[in-house]
Amino acid sequence: AQLCDTLRALGTDNLIYLMMLALLEQKILVHSLRSWMLTAVAESVCALMFPFHWQCPYVPQCPLGLAGVLHAPLPFIAGVDSRQKNYKKFIDGNIVMDLLIT
């Protein structure tokens, strides 16, 4: 079900792009108004990496109080709720995937 939700939210091109970024160990920040989508996308990316395993920080729902990881000089997969007003200050240097679903 999570993979179907991810595919529906991202489309095939964006999912392949996100997989490429994960395999290249880039900083990936996902944001959405629907917090359940953050976990669905992050889990799908990690599952699709098989037989590889994501070894870097993985925070599918990162509260802004603990968002120091988003400034780390290492790759990560993190999700932030779009309703949090200050999430935009973490965009610099990160690849941001906006999950807009109808």
C-alpha atoms as a PDB file:
ATOM      1  CA  ALA A   1       0.000   0.000   0.000  1.00  0.00           C
ATOM      2  CA  GLN A   2       2.847   2.411   0.799  1.00  0.00           C
ATOM      3  CA  LEU A   3       4.472   1.850  -2.566  1.00  0.00           C
ATOM      4  CA  CYS A   4       1.162   2.513  -4.346  1.00  0.00           C
ATOM      5  CA  ASP A   5       0.694   5.746  -2.373  1.00  0.00           C
ATOM      6  CA  THR A   6       4.254   6.802  -3.175  1.00  0.00           C
ATOM      7  CA  LEU A   7       3.859   6.055  -6.859  1.00  0.00           C
ATOM      8  CA  ARG A   8       0.564   7.930  -6.949  1.00  0.00           C
ATOM      9  CA  ALA A   9       2.070  10.954  -5.170  1.00  0.00           C
ATOM     10  CA  LEU A  10       5.351  11.151  -7.084  1.00  0.00           C
ATOM     11  CA  GLY A  11       4.757   9.529 -10.449  1.00  0.00           C
ATOM     12  CA  THR A  12       7.292   7.226 -12.067  1.00  0.00           C
ATOM     13  CA  ASP A  13       9.792   9.887 -13.174  1.00  0.00           C
ATOM     14  CA  ASN A  14      10.027  11.524  -9.750  1.00  0.00           C
ATOM     15  CA  LEU A  15      10.230   8.161  -7.982  1.00  0.00           C
ATOM     16  CA  ILE A  16      13.112   7.086 -10.222  1.00  0.00           C
ATOM     17  CA  TYR A  17      14.795  10.449  -9.603  1.00  0.00           C
ATOM     18  CA  LEU A  18      14.350  10.045  -5.843  1.00  0.00           C
ATOM     19  CA  MET A  19      15.815   6.529  -6.023  1.00  0.00           C
ATOM     20  CA  MET A  20      18.803   7.840  -7.972  1.00  0.00           C
ATOM     21  CA  LEU A  21      19.393  10.497  -5.307  1.00  0.00           C
ATOM     22  CA  ALA A  22      19.175   7.919  -2.532  1.00  0.00           C
ATOM     23  CA  LEU A  23      21.596   5.561  -4.278  1.00  0.00           C
ATOM     24  CA  LEU A  24      23.999   8.489  -4.765  1.00  0.00           C
ATOM     25  CA  GLU A  25      23.617   9.277  -1.040  1.00  0.00           C
ATOM     26  CA  GLN A  26      22.305  12.822  -1.390  1.00  0.00           C
ATOM     27  CA  LYS A  27      20.517  14.906   1.244  1.00  0.00           C
ATOM     28  CA  ILE A  28      16.796  14.329   0.660  1.00  0.00           C
ATOM     29  CA  LEU A  29      14.152  16.430   2.407  1.00  0.00           C
ATOM     30  CA  VAL A  30      10.523  15.496   1.766  1.00  0.00           C
ATOM     31  CA  HIS A  31       7.673  17.746   2.857  1.00  0.00           C
ATOM     32  CA  SER A  32       3.933  17.306   2.748  1.00  0.00           C
ATOM     33  CA  LEU A  33       0.753  18.479   4.416  1.00  0.00           C
ATOM     34  CA  ARG A  34      -0.066  14.816   5.080  1.00  0.00           C
ATOM     35  CA  SER A  35       2.323  13.393   7.630  1.00  0.00           C
ATOM     36  CA  TRP A  36       1.468   9.784   6.757  1.00  0.00           C
ATOM     37  CA  MET A  37       2.806  10.420   3.233  1.00  0.00           C
ATOM     38  CA  LEU A  38       6.219  11.350   4.631  1.00  0.00           C
ATOM     39  CA  THR A  39       6.601   7.922   6.172  1.00  0.00           C
ATOM     40  CA  ALA A  40       5.143   6.158   3.127  1.00  0.00           C
ATOM     41  CA  VAL A  41       7.616   7.803   0.751  1.00  0.00           C
ATOM     42  CA  ALA A  42      10.632   7.347   3.025  1.00  0.00           C
ATOM     43  CA  GLU A  43       9.813   3.680   3.649  1.00  0.00           C
ATOM     44  CA  SER A  44       9.222   3.058  -0.057  1.00  0.00           C
ATOM     45  CA  VAL A  45      12.573   4.562  -1.003  1.00  0.00           C
ATOM     46  CA  CYS A  46      14.367   2.420   1.565  1.00  0.00           C
ATOM     47  CA  ALA A  47      12.498  -0.706   0.458  1.00  0.00           C
ATOM     48  CA  LEU A  48      13.227  -0.094  -3.227  1.00  0.00           C
ATOM     49  CA  MET A  49      16.954   0.180  -2.486  1.00  0.00           C
ATOM     50  CA  PHE A  50      17.094  -3.563  -1.811  1.00  0.00           C
ATOM     51  CA  PRO A  51      19.618  -5.276  -1.749  1.00  0.00           C
ATOM     52  CA  PHE A  52      21.266  -2.091  -0.486  1.00  0.00           C
ATOM     53  CA  HIS A  53      20.443  -0.631   2.915  1.00  0.00           C
ATOM     54  CA  TRP A  54      20.282   3.069   3.847  1.00  0.00           C
ATOM     55  CA  GLN A  55      23.018   3.566   6.469  1.00  0.00           C
ATOM     56  CA  CYS A  56      22.741   7.335   6.979  1.00  0.00           C
ATOM     57  CA  PRO A  57      20.318   9.322   9.165  1.00  0.00           C
ATOM     58  CA  TYR A  58      16.706   8.430   8.438  1.00  0.00           C
ATOM     59  CA  VAL A  59      14.027  10.605  10.038  1.00  0.00           C
ATOM     60  CA  PRO A  60      10.730  10.201   8.139  1.00  0.00           C
ATOM     61  CA  GLN A  61       8.909  12.686  10.401  1.00  0.00           C
ATOM     62  CA  CYS A  62      11.422  15.158  11.766  1.00  0.00           C
ATOM     63  CA  PRO A  63      10.049  17.665  14.299  1.00  0.00           C
ATOM     64  CA  LEU A  64      11.593  21.102  13.899  1.00  0.00           C
ATOM     65  CA  GLY A  65      12.879  20.962  17.452  1.00  0.00           C
ATOM     66  CA  LEU A  66      15.211  18.146  16.374  1.00  0.00           C
ATOM     67  CA  ALA A  67      15.956  19.491  12.915  1.00  0.00           C
ATOM     68  CA  GLY A  68      19.681  19.964  13.546  1.00  0.00           C
ATOM     69  CA  VAL A  69      20.228  16.796  11.521  1.00  0.00           C
ATOM     70  CA  LEU A  70      19.120  18.750   8.436  1.00  0.00           C
ATOM     71  CA  HIS A  71      22.304  20.829   8.651  1.00  0.00           C
ATOM     72  CA  ALA A  72      24.552  17.787   8.938  1.00  0.00           C
ATOM     73  CA  PRO A  73      27.325  17.423   6.353  1.00  0.00           C
ATOM     74  CA  LEU A  74      26.207  13.898   5.527  1.00  0.00           C
ATOM     75  CA  PRO A  75      23.392  12.392   3.483  1.00  0.00           C
ATOM     76  CA  PHE A  76      19.986  11.827   5.047  1.00  0.00           C
ATOM     77  CA  ILE A  77      16.373  11.084   4.261  1.00  0.00           C
ATOM     78  CA  ALA A  78      14.090  13.304   6.314  1.00  0.00           C
ATOM     79  CA  GLY A  79      10.462  14.357   6.224  1.00  0.00           C
ATOM     80  CA  VAL A  80       8.983  17.617   7.483  1.00  0.00           C
ATOM     81  CA  ASP A  81       5.335  18.607   7.817  1.00  0.00           C
ATOM     82  CA  SER A  82       4.638  21.541   5.460  1.00  0.00           C
ATOM     83  CA  ARG A  83       2.489  23.237   8.116  1.00  0.00           C
ATOM     84  CA  GLN A  84       5.564  23.892  10.236  1.00  0.00           C
ATOM     85  CA  LYS A  85       6.399  27.494   9.452  1.00  0.00           C
ATOM     86  CA  ASN A  86      10.178  27.341   9.758  1.00  0.00           C
ATOM     87  CA  TYR A  87      10.879  24.275   7.597  1.00  0.00           C
ATOM     88  CA  LYS A  88      11.968  26.457   4.644  1.00  0.00           C
ATOM     89  CA  LYS A  89      15.171  27.505   6.410  1.00  0.00           C
ATOM     90  CA  PHE A  90      16.437  23.923   5.984  1.00  0.00           C
ATOM     91  CA  ILE A  91      16.054  23.878   2.198  1.00  0.00           C
ATOM     92  CA  ASP A  92      19.496  25.294   1.336  1.00  0.00           C
ATOM     93  CA  GLY A  93      21.835  22.541   0.173  1.00  0.00           C
ATOM     94  CA  ASN A  94      19.170  19.841   0.382  1.00  0.00           C
ATOM     95  CA  ILE A  95      17.198  18.234  -2.399  1.00  0.00           C
ATOM     96  CA  VAL A  96      13.563  18.900  -1.589  1.00  0.00           C
ATOM     97  CA  MET A  97      10.671  16.754  -2.770  1.00  0.00           C
ATOM     98  CA  ASP A  98       7.247  18.368  -2.376  1.00  0.00           C
ATOM     99  CA  LEU A  99       4.421  15.840  -2.076  1.00  0.00           C
ATOM    100  CA  LEU A 100       1.268  17.429  -3.396  1.00  0.00           C
ATOM    101  CA  ILE A 101      -1.571  14.962  -3.623  1.00  0.00           C
ATOM    102  CA  THR A 102      -5.136  15.621  -4.573  1.00  0.00           C
END
